[in-house]
C-alpha atoms as a PDB file:
ATOM      1  CA  MET A   1     -10.854 -78.437 108.882  1.00  0.00           C
ATOM      2  CA  THR A   2     -14.511 -77.589 108.279  1.00  0.00           C
ATOM      3  CA  ARG A   3     -15.825 -75.931 105.110  1.00  0.00           C
ATOM      4  CA  PRO A   4     -17.871 -72.758 105.350  1.00  0.00           C
ATOM      5  CA  PRO A   5     -21.618 -73.392 104.859  1.00  0.00           C
ATOM      6  CA  ASN A   6     -22.986 -73.487 101.248  1.00  0.00           C
ATOM      7  CA  THR A   7     -19.485 -74.216  99.923  1.00  0.00           C
ATOM      8  CA  PRO A   8     -19.412 -77.017  97.317  1.00  0.00           C
ATOM      9  CA  ASN A   9     -17.294 -80.055  98.024  1.00  0.00           C
ATOM     10  CA  PRO A  10     -14.135 -79.848  95.827  1.00  0.00           C
ATOM     11  CA  GLU A  11     -14.193 -83.609  95.306  1.00  0.00           C
ATOM     12  CA  THR A  12     -17.799 -83.473  94.059  1.00  0.00           C
ATOM     13  CA  VAL A  13     -16.989 -80.589  91.707  1.00  0.00           C
ATOM     14  CA  ALA A  14     -13.961 -82.447  90.321  1.00  0.00           C
ATOM     15  CA  ALA A  15     -15.980 -85.613  89.781  1.00  0.00           C
ATOM     16  CA  GLY A  16     -18.699 -83.686  87.981  1.00  0.00           C
ATOM     17  CA  ALA A  17     -16.173 -81.981  85.709  1.00  0.00           C
ATOM     18  CA  ALA A  18     -14.594 -85.333  84.859  1.00  0.00           C
ATOM     19  CA  ALA A  19     -17.978 -86.830  84.027  1.00  0.00           C
ATOM     20  CA  ALA A  20     -18.806 -83.861  81.774  1.00  0.00           C
ATOM     21  CA  ALA A  21     -15.502 -84.309  79.981  1.00  0.00           C
ATOM     22  CA  ARG A  22     -16.224 -87.989  79.403  1.00  0.00           C
ATOM     23  CA  THR A  23     -19.792 -87.294  78.144  1.00  0.00           C
ATOM     24  CA  PRO A  24     -19.784 -84.374  75.726  1.00  0.00           C
ATOM     25  CA  ASP A  25     -23.091 -82.645  75.006  1.00  0.00           C
ATOM     26  CA  THR A  26     -23.974 -84.091  71.618  1.00  0.00           C
ATOM     27  CA  ARG A  27     -26.961 -81.760  71.267  1.00  0.00           C
ATOM     28  CA  MET A  28     -24.733 -78.753  70.606  1.00  0.00           C
ATOM     29  CA  GLY A  29     -23.855 -78.271  66.971  1.00  0.00           C
ATOM     30  CA  ARG A  30     -25.792 -81.333  65.891  1.00  0.00           C
ATOM     31  CA  TYR A  31     -27.881 -79.528  63.286  1.00  0.00           C
ATOM     32  CA  ASP A  32     -26.546 -77.290  60.525  1.00  0.00           C
ATOM     33  CA  TRP A  33     -29.692 -75.735  59.083  1.00  0.00           C
ATOM     34  CA  GLU A  34     -27.712 -73.875  56.423  1.00  0.00           C
ATOM     35  CA  LYS A  35     -27.321 -77.205  54.613  1.00  0.00           C
ATOM     36  CA  ALA A  36     -31.099 -77.277  54.079  1.00  0.00           C
ATOM     37  CA  ARG A  37     -31.308 -73.748  52.670  1.00  0.00           C
ATOM     38  CA  GLY A  38     -30.742 -72.375  49.203  1.00  0.00           C
ATOM     39  CA  SER A  39     -29.996 -74.558  46.202  1.00  0.00           C
ATOM     40  CA  ILE A  40     -29.430 -78.259  47.003  1.00  0.00           C
ATOM     41  CA  ALA A  41     -27.483 -80.369  44.495  1.00  0.00           C
ATOM     42  CA  ALA A  42     -28.386 -84.029  43.829  1.00  0.00           C
ATOM     43  CA  PHE A  43     -28.633 -86.282  40.781  1.00  0.00           C
ATOM     44  CA  GLY A  44     -26.935 -83.638  38.676  1.00  0.00           C
ATOM     45  CA  GLU A  45     -29.656 -81.084  39.484  1.00  0.00           C
ATOM     46  CA  SER A  46     -29.881 -78.095  41.830  1.00  0.00           C
ATOM     47  CA  LYS A  47     -33.261 -77.288  43.391  1.00  0.00           C
ATOM     48  CA  SER A  48     -34.740 -75.762  46.527  1.00  0.00           C
ATOM     49  CA  LEU A  49     -35.830 -77.855  49.511  1.00  0.00           C
ATOM     50  CA  GLY A  50     -39.496 -77.494  48.554  1.00  0.00           C
ATOM     51  CA  ALA A  51     -38.795 -78.616  44.999  1.00  0.00           C
ATOM     52  CA  TRP A  52     -36.919 -81.719  46.212  1.00  0.00           C
ATOM     53  CA  ALA A  53     -39.730 -82.513  48.659  1.00  0.00           C
ATOM     54  CA  ASN A  54     -42.200 -82.516  45.721  1.00  0.00           C
ATOM     55  CA  ASP A  55     -39.870 -84.537  43.496  1.00  0.00           C
ATOM     56  CA  PRO A  56     -41.292 -88.033  42.719  1.00  0.00           C
ATOM     57  CA  ARG A  57     -38.059 -89.579  43.992  1.00  0.00           C
ATOM     58  CA  CYS A  58     -38.449 -88.078  47.474  1.00  0.00           C
ATOM     59  CA  GLN A  59     -39.587 -90.664  50.039  1.00  0.00           C
ATOM     60  CA  VAL A  60     -40.199 -88.340  53.006  1.00  0.00           C
ATOM     61  CA  LYS A  61     -42.031 -85.122  53.788  1.00  0.00           C
ATOM     62  CA  LYS A  62     -40.442 -81.704  53.572  1.00  0.00           C
ATOM     63  CA  GLU A  63     -39.663 -81.356  57.305  1.00  0.00           C
ATOM     64  CA  ALA A  64     -38.056 -84.806  57.466  1.00  0.00           C
ATOM     65  CA  LEU A  65     -35.945 -83.954  54.417  1.00  0.00           C
ATOM     66  CA  ARG A  66     -34.892 -80.658  56.014  1.00  0.00           C
ATOM     67  CA  THR A  67     -33.831 -82.454  59.210  1.00  0.00           C
ATOM     68  CA  ARG A  68     -31.850 -85.087  57.308  1.00  0.00           C
ATOM     69  CA  LEU A  69     -29.930 -82.443  55.394  1.00  0.00           C
ATOM     70  CA  ALA A  70     -29.270 -80.451  58.570  1.00  0.00           C
ATOM     71  CA  LEU A  71     -27.856 -83.603  60.152  1.00  0.00           C
ATOM     72  CA  GLY A  72     -25.370 -83.889  57.301  1.00  0.00           C
ATOM     73  CA  TRP A  73     -26.972 -86.598  55.171  1.00  0.00           C
ATOM     74  CA  ASP A  74     -25.853 -86.906  51.577  1.00  0.00           C
ATOM     75  CA  PRO A  75     -28.614 -85.131  49.579  1.00  0.00           C
ATOM     76  CA  GLU A  76     -29.305 -88.106  47.297  1.00  0.00           C
ATOM     77  CA  GLU A  77     -29.666 -90.461  50.262  1.00  0.00           C
ATOM     78  CA  ALA A  78     -31.764 -87.912  52.155  1.00  0.00           C
ATOM     79  CA  VAL A  79     -34.178 -87.743  49.220  1.00  0.00           C
ATOM     80  CA  THR A  80     -34.454 -91.438  48.321  1.00  0.00           C
ATOM     81  CA  LYS A  81     -34.173 -93.347  51.610  1.00  0.00           C
ATOM     82  CA  PRO A  82     -37.651 -94.447  52.739  1.00  0.00           C
ATOM     83  CA  LYS A  83     -38.819 -93.536  56.199  1.00  0.00           C
ATOM     84  CA  HIS A  84     -39.151 -96.415  58.624  1.00  0.00           C
ATOM     85  CA  GLU A  85     -42.883 -96.718  59.042  1.00  0.00           C
ATOM     86  CA  LEU A  86     -44.557 -98.459  61.966  1.00  0.00           C
ATOM     87  CA  PRO A  87     -47.497-100.687  61.010  1.00  0.00           C
ATOM     88  CA  THR A  88     -50.827 -98.876  61.054  1.00  0.00           C
ATOM     89  CA  LEU A  89     -52.788 -99.767  64.183  1.00  0.00           C
ATOM     90  CA  GLN A  90     -56.522-100.118  63.548  1.00  0.00           C
ATOM     91  CA  PHE A  91     -59.226-100.969  66.056  1.00  0.00           C
ATOM     92  CA  THR A  92     -62.960-101.534  65.819  1.00  0.00           C
ATOM     93  CA  PHE A  93     -65.256-100.213  68.511  1.00  0.00           C
ATOM     94  CA  GLY A  94     -69.011 -99.763  68.290  1.00  0.00           C
ATOM     95  CA  GLU A  95     -69.051-100.929  64.628  1.00  0.00           C
ATOM     96  CA  LYS A  96     -66.612 -98.177  63.672  1.00  0.00           C
ATOM     97  CA  THR A  97     -63.044 -98.885  62.560  1.00  0.00           C
ATOM     98  CA  LEU A  98     -60.393 -96.173  62.951  1.00  0.00           C
ATOM     99  CA  THR A  99     -56.648 -95.988  63.318  1.00  0.00           C
ATOM    100  CA  LEU A 100     -55.282 -95.477  66.811  1.00  0.00           C
ATOM    101  CA  ARG A 101     -54.669 -91.805  65.961  1.00  0.00           C
ATOM    102  CA  GLY A 102     -58.277 -91.526  64.863  1.00  0.00           C
ATOM    103  CA  TRP A 103     -59.523 -92.930  68.149  1.00  0.00           C
ATOM    104  CA  ALA A 104     -57.197 -90.577  70.035  1.00  0.00           C
ATOM    105  CA  GLU A 105     -58.774 -87.653  68.172  1.00  0.00           C
ATOM    106  CA  GLN A 106     -62.313 -88.900  68.745  1.00  0.00           C
ATOM    107  CA  SER A 107     -61.857 -89.629  72.466  1.00  0.00           C
ATOM    108  CA  GLY A 108     -59.583 -86.771  73.502  1.00  0.00           C
ATOM    109  CA  ILE A 109     -57.080 -89.298  74.895  1.00  0.00           C
ATOM    110  CA  LYS A 110     -53.520 -88.537  73.836  1.00  0.00           C
ATOM    111  CA  TYR A 111     -52.153 -90.911  71.209  1.00  0.00           C
ATOM    112  CA  HIS A 112     -49.094 -91.898  73.258  1.00  0.00           C
ATOM    113  CA  THR A 113     -51.324 -92.531  76.287  1.00  0.00           C
ATOM    114  CA  LEU A 114     -53.508 -94.939  74.315  1.00  0.00           C
ATOM    115  CA  TYR A 115     -50.472 -96.583  72.724  1.00  0.00           C
ATOM    116  CA  GLY A 116     -48.789 -97.050  76.109  1.00  0.00           C
ATOM    117  CA  ARG A 117     -51.881 -98.589  77.675  1.00  0.00           C
ATOM    118  CA  ILE A 118     -52.134-101.149  74.886  1.00  0.00           C
ATOM    119  CA  ARG A 119     -48.469-101.902  74.173  1.00  0.00           C
ATOM    120  CA  THR A 120     -46.871-101.382  77.579  1.00  0.00           C
ATOM    121  CA  GLN A 121     -49.645-102.134  80.052  1.00  0.00           C
ATOM    122  CA  GLY A 122     -51.170-104.910  77.930  1.00  0.00           C
ATOM    123  CA  LEU A 123     -54.726-103.578  78.096  1.00  0.00           C
ATOM    124  CA  SER A 124     -57.293-104.375  75.459  1.00  0.00           C
ATOM    125  CA  PHE A 125     -58.338-101.478  73.255  1.00  0.00           C
ATOM    126  CA  GLU A 126     -61.705-101.209  75.019  1.00  0.00           C
ATOM    127  CA  GLU A 127     -59.995-101.171  78.435  1.00  0.00           C
ATOM    128  CA  ALA A 128     -57.533 -98.506  77.266  1.00  0.00           C
ATOM    129  CA  LEU A 129     -60.406 -96.415  75.945  1.00  0.00           C
ATOM    130  CA  ASP A 130     -62.496 -96.902  79.078  1.00  0.00           C
ATOM    131  CA  LYS A 131     -59.780 -95.402  81.324  1.00  0.00           C
ATOM    132  CA  GLY A 132     -60.415 -92.078  79.647  1.00  0.00           C
ATOM    133  CA  PRO A 133     -58.133 -89.077  79.161  1.00  0.00           C
ATOM    134  CA  ASP A 134     -55.895 -87.467  81.751  1.00  0.00           C
ATOM    135  CA  GLY A 135     -57.476 -84.415  83.367  1.00  0.00           C
ATOM    136  CA  ASP A 136     -61.103 -83.527  83.995  1.00  0.00           C
ATOM    137  CA  HIS A 137     -62.011 -81.370  80.979  1.00  0.00           C
ATOM    138  CA  PHE A 138     -63.149 -84.390  78.902  1.00  0.00           C
ATOM    139  CA  ARG A 139     -64.688 -86.250  81.862  1.00  0.00           C
ATOM    140  CA  GLN A 140     -67.603 -83.908  82.560  1.00  0.00           C
ATOM    141  CA  PRO A 141     -70.979 -85.686  82.429  1.00  0.00           C
ATOM    142  CA  VAL A 142     -73.198 -84.933  79.433  1.00  0.00           C
ATOM    143  CA  THR A 143     -76.820 -86.037  79.035  1.00  0.00           C
ATOM    144  CA  ALA A 144     -78.150 -86.848  75.557  1.00  0.00           C
ATOM    145  CA  PHE A 145     -80.543 -89.406  74.070  1.00  0.00           C
ATOM    146  CA  GLY A 146     -81.766 -90.152  77.615  1.00  0.00           C
ATOM    147  CA  GLU A 147     -78.264 -91.204  78.766  1.00  0.00           C
ATOM    148  CA  THR A 148     -75.659 -89.544  80.955  1.00  0.00           C
ATOM    149  CA  LYS A 149     -71.987 -90.408  80.501  1.00  0.00           C
ATOM    150  CA  PRO A 150     -68.593 -88.675  80.403  1.00  0.00           C
ATOM    151  CA  LEU A 151     -67.905 -86.396  77.473  1.00  0.00           C
ATOM    152  CA  TYR A 152     -65.073 -88.582  76.092  1.00  0.00           C
ATOM    153  CA  ARG A 153     -67.474 -91.543  75.913  1.00  0.00           C
ATOM    154  CA  TRP A 154     -69.770 -89.496  73.681  1.00  0.00           C
ATOM    155  CA  GLY A 155     -66.799 -88.867  71.375  1.00  0.00           C
ATOM    156  CA  VAL A 156     -66.541 -92.610  70.681  1.00  0.00           C
ATOM    157  CA  ASP A 157     -70.289 -93.230  70.610  1.00  0.00           C
ATOM    158  CA  PRO A 158     -71.525 -94.664  67.266  1.00  0.00           C
ATOM    159  CA  ARG A 159     -73.830 -91.648  66.908  1.00  0.00           C
ATOM    160  CA  ALA A 160     -70.981 -89.141  67.180  1.00  0.00           C
ATOM    161  CA  ASN A 161     -70.042 -87.321  63.988  1.00  0.00           C
ATOM    162  CA  ALA A 162     -67.561 -84.977  65.675  1.00  0.00           C
ATOM    163  CA  SER A 163     -64.529 -85.355  67.917  1.00  0.00           C
ATOM    164  CA  THR A 164     -64.654 -84.943  71.688  1.00  0.00           C
ATOM    165  CA  SER A 165     -62.925 -81.550  71.422  1.00  0.00           C
ATOM    166  CA  THR A 166     -65.523 -80.295  68.934  1.00  0.00           C
ATOM    167  CA  ILE A 167     -68.418 -81.593  71.043  1.00  0.00           C
ATOM    168  CA  ARG A 168     -66.987 -79.885  74.141  1.00  0.00           C
ATOM    169  CA  LYS A 169     -66.618 -76.538  72.332  1.00  0.00           C
ATOM    170  CA  ARG A 170     -70.167 -76.753  71.000  1.00  0.00           C
ATOM    171  CA  ILE A 171     -71.686 -77.492  74.403  1.00  0.00           C
ATOM    172  CA  LYS A 172     -69.724 -74.602  75.961  1.00  0.00           C
ATOM    173  CA  ALA A 173     -71.151 -72.380  73.201  1.00  0.00           C
ATOM    174  CA  GLY A 174     -74.695 -73.381  74.211  1.00  0.00           C
ATOM    175  CA  TRP A 175     -75.482 -76.102  71.658  1.00  0.00           C
ATOM    176  CA  ASN A 176     -78.076 -78.754  72.402  1.00  0.00           C
ATOM    177  CA  PRO A 177     -75.986 -81.838  73.400  1.00  0.00           C
ATOM    178  CA  GLN A 178     -77.636 -84.144  70.866  1.00  0.00           C
ATOM    179  CA  ILE A 179     -76.943 -81.727  68.011  1.00  0.00           C
ATOM    180  CA  ALA A 180     -73.426 -81.111  69.301  1.00  0.00           C
ATOM    181  CA  ILE A 181     -72.762 -84.854  69.136  1.00  0.00           C
ATOM    182  CA  THR A 182     -74.395 -85.698  65.807  1.00  0.00           C
ATOM    183  CA  GLU A 183     -73.722 -82.607  63.651  1.00  0.00           C
ATOM    184  CA  GLU A 184     -70.988 -83.171  61.057  1.00  0.00           C
ATOM    185  CA  PRO A 185     -68.263 -80.464  61.261  1.00  0.00           C
ATOM    186  CA  GLU A 186     -68.244 -77.923  58.457  1.00  0.00           C
ATOM    187  CA  ASN A 187     -64.462 -77.923  58.359  1.00  0.00           C
ATOM    188  CA  ARG A 188     -62.474 -81.049  59.139  1.00  0.00           C
ATOM    189  CA  SER A 189     -58.937 -79.685  59.317  1.00  0.00           C
ATOM    190  CA  THR A 190     -57.644 -83.164  60.205  1.00  0.00           C
ATOM    191  CA  LEU A 191     -59.429 -84.983  57.404  1.00  0.00           C
ATOM    192  CA  GLY A 192     -57.752 -88.332  56.780  1.00  0.00           C
ATOM    193  CA  THR A 193     -55.822 -88.644  60.051  1.00  0.00           C
ATOM    194  CA  GLY A 194     -58.408 -90.886  61.641  1.00  0.00           C
ATOM    195  CA  GLN A 195     -59.973 -93.390  59.324  1.00  0.00           C
ATOM    196  CA  PRO A 196     -58.714 -95.260  56.274  1.00  0.00           C
ATOM    197  CA  TYR A 197     -60.102 -94.240  52.882  1.00  0.00           C
ATOM    198  CA  SER A 198     -61.175 -96.569  50.086  1.00  0.00           C
ATOM    199  CA  ALA A 199     -60.492 -96.084  46.377  1.00  0.00           C
ATOM    200  CA  TRP A 200     -60.076 -98.488  43.469  1.00  0.00           C
ATOM    201  CA  GLY A 201     -60.645-101.469  45.766  1.00  0.00           C
ATOM    202  CA  GLN A 202     -57.858-100.498  48.190  1.00  0.00           C
ATOM    203  CA  ARG A 203     -58.211 -99.164  51.736  1.00  0.00           C
ATOM    204  CA  MET A 204     -55.459 -97.206  53.488  1.00  0.00           C
ATOM    205  CA  SER A 205     -54.756 -93.967  55.329  1.00  0.00           C
ATOM    206  CA  LEU A 206     -54.436 -90.644  53.529  1.00  0.00           C
ATOM    207  CA  PRO A 207     -50.644 -90.464  54.112  1.00  0.00           C
ATOM    208  CA  ASP A 208     -50.325 -93.895  52.459  1.00  0.00           C
ATOM    209  CA  TRP A 209     -52.370 -92.695  49.473  1.00  0.00           C
ATOM    210  CA  GLY A 210     -50.036 -89.702  49.271  1.00  0.00           C
ATOM    211  CA  ARG A 211     -46.966 -91.958  49.158  1.00  0.00           C
ATOM    212  CA  LEU A 212     -48.558 -94.239  46.555  1.00  0.00           C
ATOM    213  CA  SER A 213     -49.644 -91.439  44.235  1.00  0.00           C
ATOM    214  CA  GLY A 214     -46.671 -89.146  44.794  1.00  0.00           C
ATOM    215  CA  ILE A 215     -49.080 -86.291  45.583  1.00  0.00           C
ATOM    216  CA  PRO A 216     -48.575 -84.522  48.954  1.00  0.00           C
ATOM    217  CA  GLU A 217     -51.134 -85.525  51.573  1.00  0.00           C
ATOM    218  CA  GLU A 218     -52.042 -81.872  52.188  1.00  0.00           C
ATOM    219  CA  VAL A 219     -52.907 -81.394  48.506  1.00  0.00           C
ATOM    220  CA  ILE A 220     -55.216 -84.426  48.476  1.00  0.00           C
ATOM    221  CA  ARG A 221     -56.874 -83.312  51.716  1.00  0.00           C
ATOM    222  CA  GLY A 222     -57.393 -79.792  50.398  1.00  0.00           C
ATOM    223  CA  ARG A 223     -58.905 -81.018  47.128  1.00  0.00           C
ATOM    224  CA  MET A 224     -61.323 -83.325  48.978  1.00  0.00           C
ATOM    225  CA  HIS A 225     -62.413 -80.619  51.398  1.00  0.00           C
ATOM    226  CA  ARG A 226     -62.699 -77.622  49.084  1.00  0.00           C
ATOM    227  CA  HIS A 227     -64.574 -79.456  46.328  1.00  0.00           C
ATOM    228  CA  GLU A 228     -66.378 -82.064  48.499  1.00  0.00           C
ATOM    229  CA  LEU A 229     -64.876 -84.937  46.510  1.00  0.00           C
ATOM    230  CA  THR A 230     -64.359 -88.550  47.404  1.00  0.00           C
ATOM    231  CA  LEU A 231     -60.752 -89.707  47.590  1.00  0.00           C
ATOM    232  CA  GLU A 232     -60.996 -91.462  44.218  1.00  0.00           C
ATOM    233  CA  SER A 233     -62.464 -88.380  42.535  1.00  0.00           C
ATOM    234  CA  ALA A 234     -59.867 -86.111  44.148  1.00  0.00           C
ATOM    235  CA  LEU A 235     -56.952 -88.261  42.972  1.00  0.00           C
ATOM    236  CA  HIS A 236     -58.459 -88.535  39.510  1.00  0.00           C
ATOM    237  CA  SER A 237     -58.845 -84.751  39.321  1.00  0.00           C
ATOM    238  CA  LEU A 238     -55.171 -84.454  40.256  1.00  0.00           C
ATOM    239  CA  GLY A 239     -54.230 -86.601  37.283  1.00  0.00           C
ATOM    240  CA  TRP A 240     -53.508 -89.893  39.073  1.00  0.00           C
ATOM    241  CA  THR A 241     -55.037 -93.357  38.744  1.00  0.00           C
ATOM    242  CA  PRO A 242     -53.529 -96.766  39.561  1.00  0.00           C
ATOM    243  CA  GLU A 243     -53.418 -97.582  35.869  1.00  0.00           C
ATOM    244  CA  ALA A 244     -51.295 -94.548  35.061  1.00  0.00           C
ATOM    245  CA  SER A 245     -47.846 -95.710  34.037  1.00  0.00           C
ATOM    246  CA  ALA A 246     -45.011 -94.425  36.160  1.00  0.00           C
ATOM    247  CA  THR A 247     -43.302 -93.202  33.018  1.00  0.00           C
ATOM    248  CA  ALA A 248     -46.424 -91.606  31.566  1.00  0.00           C
ATOM    249  CA  THR A 249     -46.414 -88.620  33.892  1.00  0.00           C
ATOM    250  CA  SER A 250     -44.033 -86.840  36.205  1.00  0.00           C
ATOM    251  CA  LEU A 251     -44.416 -84.375  39.059  1.00  0.00           C
ATOM    252  CA  LEU A 252     -42.295 -81.366  38.204  1.00  0.00           C
ATOM    253  CA  THR A 253     -41.619 -78.076  39.936  1.00  0.00           C
ATOM    254  CA  VAL A 254     -41.614 -75.156  37.498  1.00  0.00           C
ATOM    255  CA  GLN A 255     -42.044 -71.408  37.370  1.00  0.00           C
ATOM    256  CA  VAL A 256     -45.013 -69.711  35.711  1.00  0.00           C
ATOM    257  CA  HIS A 257     -43.142 -69.052  32.469  1.00  0.00           C
ATOM    258  CA  GLN A 258     -42.249 -72.763  32.232  1.00  0.00           C
ATOM    259  CA  LEU A 259     -45.853 -74.003  32.162  1.00  0.00           C
ATOM    260  CA  GLN A 260     -46.794 -76.010  29.085  1.00  0.00           C
ATOM    261  CA  PRO A 261     -50.175 -76.829  27.530  1.00  0.00           C
ATOM    262  CA  GLY A 262     -51.640 -79.882  29.255  1.00  0.00           C
ATOM    263  CA  ASP A 263     -49.818 -79.337  32.575  1.00  0.00           C
ATOM    264  CA  LEU A 264     -52.054 -80.209  35.534  1.00  0.00           C
ATOM    265  CA  ILE A 265     -51.327 -77.899  38.485  1.00  0.00           C
ATOM    266  CA  VAL A 266     -51.078 -79.906  41.717  1.00  0.00           C
ATOM    267  CA  SER A 267     -49.923 -77.215  44.154  1.00  0.00           C
ATOM    268  CA  THR A 268     -48.369 -73.766  44.306  1.00  0.00           C
ATOM    269  CA  GLU A 269     -45.898 -72.215  46.732  1.00  0.00           C
ATOM    270  CA  THR A 270     -46.614 -68.510  47.017  1.00  0.00           C
ATOM    271  CA  SER A 271     -43.376 -67.539  48.750  1.00  0.00           C
ATOM    272  CA  SER A 272     -41.081 -68.914  46.046  1.00  0.00           C
ATOM    273  CA  GLY A 273     -43.432 -68.789  43.074  1.00  0.00           C
ATOM    274  CA  GLU A 274     -42.852 -72.505  42.443  1.00  0.00           C
ATOM    275  CA  ILE A 275     -45.651 -74.530  40.865  1.00  0.00           C
ATOM    276  CA  THR A 276     -45.878 -78.321  41.094  1.00  0.00           C
ATOM    277  CA  VAL A 277     -47.445 -79.806  37.973  1.00  0.00           C
ATOM    278  CA  ARG A 278     -48.160 -83.262  36.632  1.00  0.00           C
ATOM    279  CA  ARG A 279     -46.901 -83.390  33.086  1.00  0.00           C
ATOM    280  CA  HIS A 280     -47.677 -86.049  30.519  1.00  0.00           C
ATOM    281  CA  HIS A 281     -44.808 -87.178  28.337  1.00  0.00           C
ATOM    282  CA  VAL A 282     -45.690 -87.133  24.650  1.00  0.00           C
ATOM    283  CA  ASP A 283     -43.130 -88.420  22.198  1.00  0.00           C
ATOM    284  CA  THR A 284     -43.228 -86.047  19.256  1.00  0.00           C
ATOM    285  CA  PRO A 285     -40.695 -86.025  16.442  1.00  0.00           C
ATOM    286  CA  ALA A 286     -38.300 -83.145  16.542  1.00  0.00           C
ATOM    287  CA  PRO A 287     -39.337 -80.488  14.048  1.00  0.00           C
ATOM    288  CA  GLN A 288     -37.196 -80.520  10.944  1.00  0.00           C
ATOM    289  CA  ARG A 289     -35.782 -77.311   9.642  1.00  0.00           C
ATOM    290  CA  ALA A 290     -37.143 -76.382   6.247  1.00  0.00           C
ATOM    291  CA  SER A 291     -34.457 -76.466   3.594  1.00  0.00           C
ATOM    292  CA  ARG A 292     -33.826 -73.147   1.961  1.00  0.00           C
ATOM    293  CA  PRO A 293     -34.015 -73.029  -1.859  1.00  0.00           C
ATOM    294  CA  VAL A 294     -30.572 -72.806  -3.362  1.00  0.00           C
ATOM    295  CA  PRO A 295     -30.404 -69.708  -5.577  1.00  0.00           C
ATOM    296  CA  GLN A 296     -29.636 -70.561  -9.176  1.00  0.00           C
ATOM    297  CA  LYS A 297     -26.566 -68.903 -10.571  1.00  0.00           C
ATOM    298  CA  PRO A 298     -26.884 -67.469 -14.090  1.00  0.00           C
ATOM    299  CA  ALA A 299     -25.334 -69.687 -16.690  1.00  0.00           C
ATOM    300  CA  THR A 300     -21.835 -68.653 -17.641  1.00  0.00           C
ATOM    301  CA  PRO A 301     -21.546 -68.074 -21.398  1.00  0.00           C
ATOM    302  CA  PRO A 302     -18.989 -70.312 -23.070  1.00  0.00           C
ATOM    303  CA  LEU A 303     -15.666 -68.799 -23.894  1.00  0.00           C
ATOM    304  CA  GLY A 304     -14.623 -67.976 -27.507  1.00  0.00           C
ATOM    305  CA  PRO A 305     -16.354 -66.256 -30.445  1.00  0.00           C
ATOM    306  CA  GLN A 306     -20.153 -66.574 -30.569  1.00  0.00           C
ATOM    307  CA  PRO A 307     -22.241 -66.822 -33.745  1.00  0.00           C
ATOM    308  CA  ALA A 308     -23.997 -63.593 -34.706  1.00  0.00           C
ATOM    309  CA  ARG A 309     -27.697 -63.441 -33.829  1.00  0.00           C
ATOM    310  CA  ARG A 310     -30.136 -63.046 -36.675  1.00  0.00           C
ATOM    311  CA  SER A 311     -32.411 -60.051 -36.583  1.00  0.00           C
ATOM    312  CA  ALA A 312     -36.156 -60.549 -36.320  1.00  0.00           C
ATOM    313  CA  GLY A 313     -36.694 -59.190 -39.861  1.00  0.00           C
ATOM    314  CA  ARG A 314     -34.638 -61.868 -41.565  1.00  0.00           C
END
């Protein structure tokens, strides 16, 4: 017996149904975002997600904490368990040292493309860089300083003070190529994602400085950019130095009416009205209540007959 055309084979349909029954779709119902909303209880306290993310005990960023809670993690574990961090990959090219993400930004090559070329294909960093980005928009030839080479190569040139994307936008807007390459951007929205920053004799990425200081990376970046501060000056202005004792200050989330004299405002959240402050702990003796004077009762005259008083004339 022949089946009509375009009619599925019953055996194939049955096999597919059996396979679906054996392999349930684990993506459905995996996240319960309600668990990350409202007041979240941990360590005997109840606070919002943003407040827990700014808590000194929190080891991950706000979005990671939200995802953990939505996946059903115990709130205390979600807050305190450190994130598994891959080692920072740094490479030197043309006398400049950047992280792999920094080179991806400078060259226009996607981070995962660079990473795959080095880790999977076994290329050297220079070979991975030389293959260039996928697509033609960063491969157009540009002439500057008497040389002609692809745009992405200018992004990693030692004379470049802007990323390949910024250089491309400037040239499209009619900039002179040499100025487009060498001019420092007025607004580096990705400040800190590329190169390590030095302070107090240590050198690490901005996210690492955020984890060390307990101050959100975005706050440090904003302070550096808005006030044109070095990393060390920005951290110092936010009330943190390596010598500061862990018990000397705390990052707290408060409302406006809970601010105290000496609180250093680190960040504010407009939507909820929450303010993150660094507060110094000062041990002050508890004020003693002044004792009230005990009223004196009039003396009670002794019982019995009293001697007669003499008059003033006698």
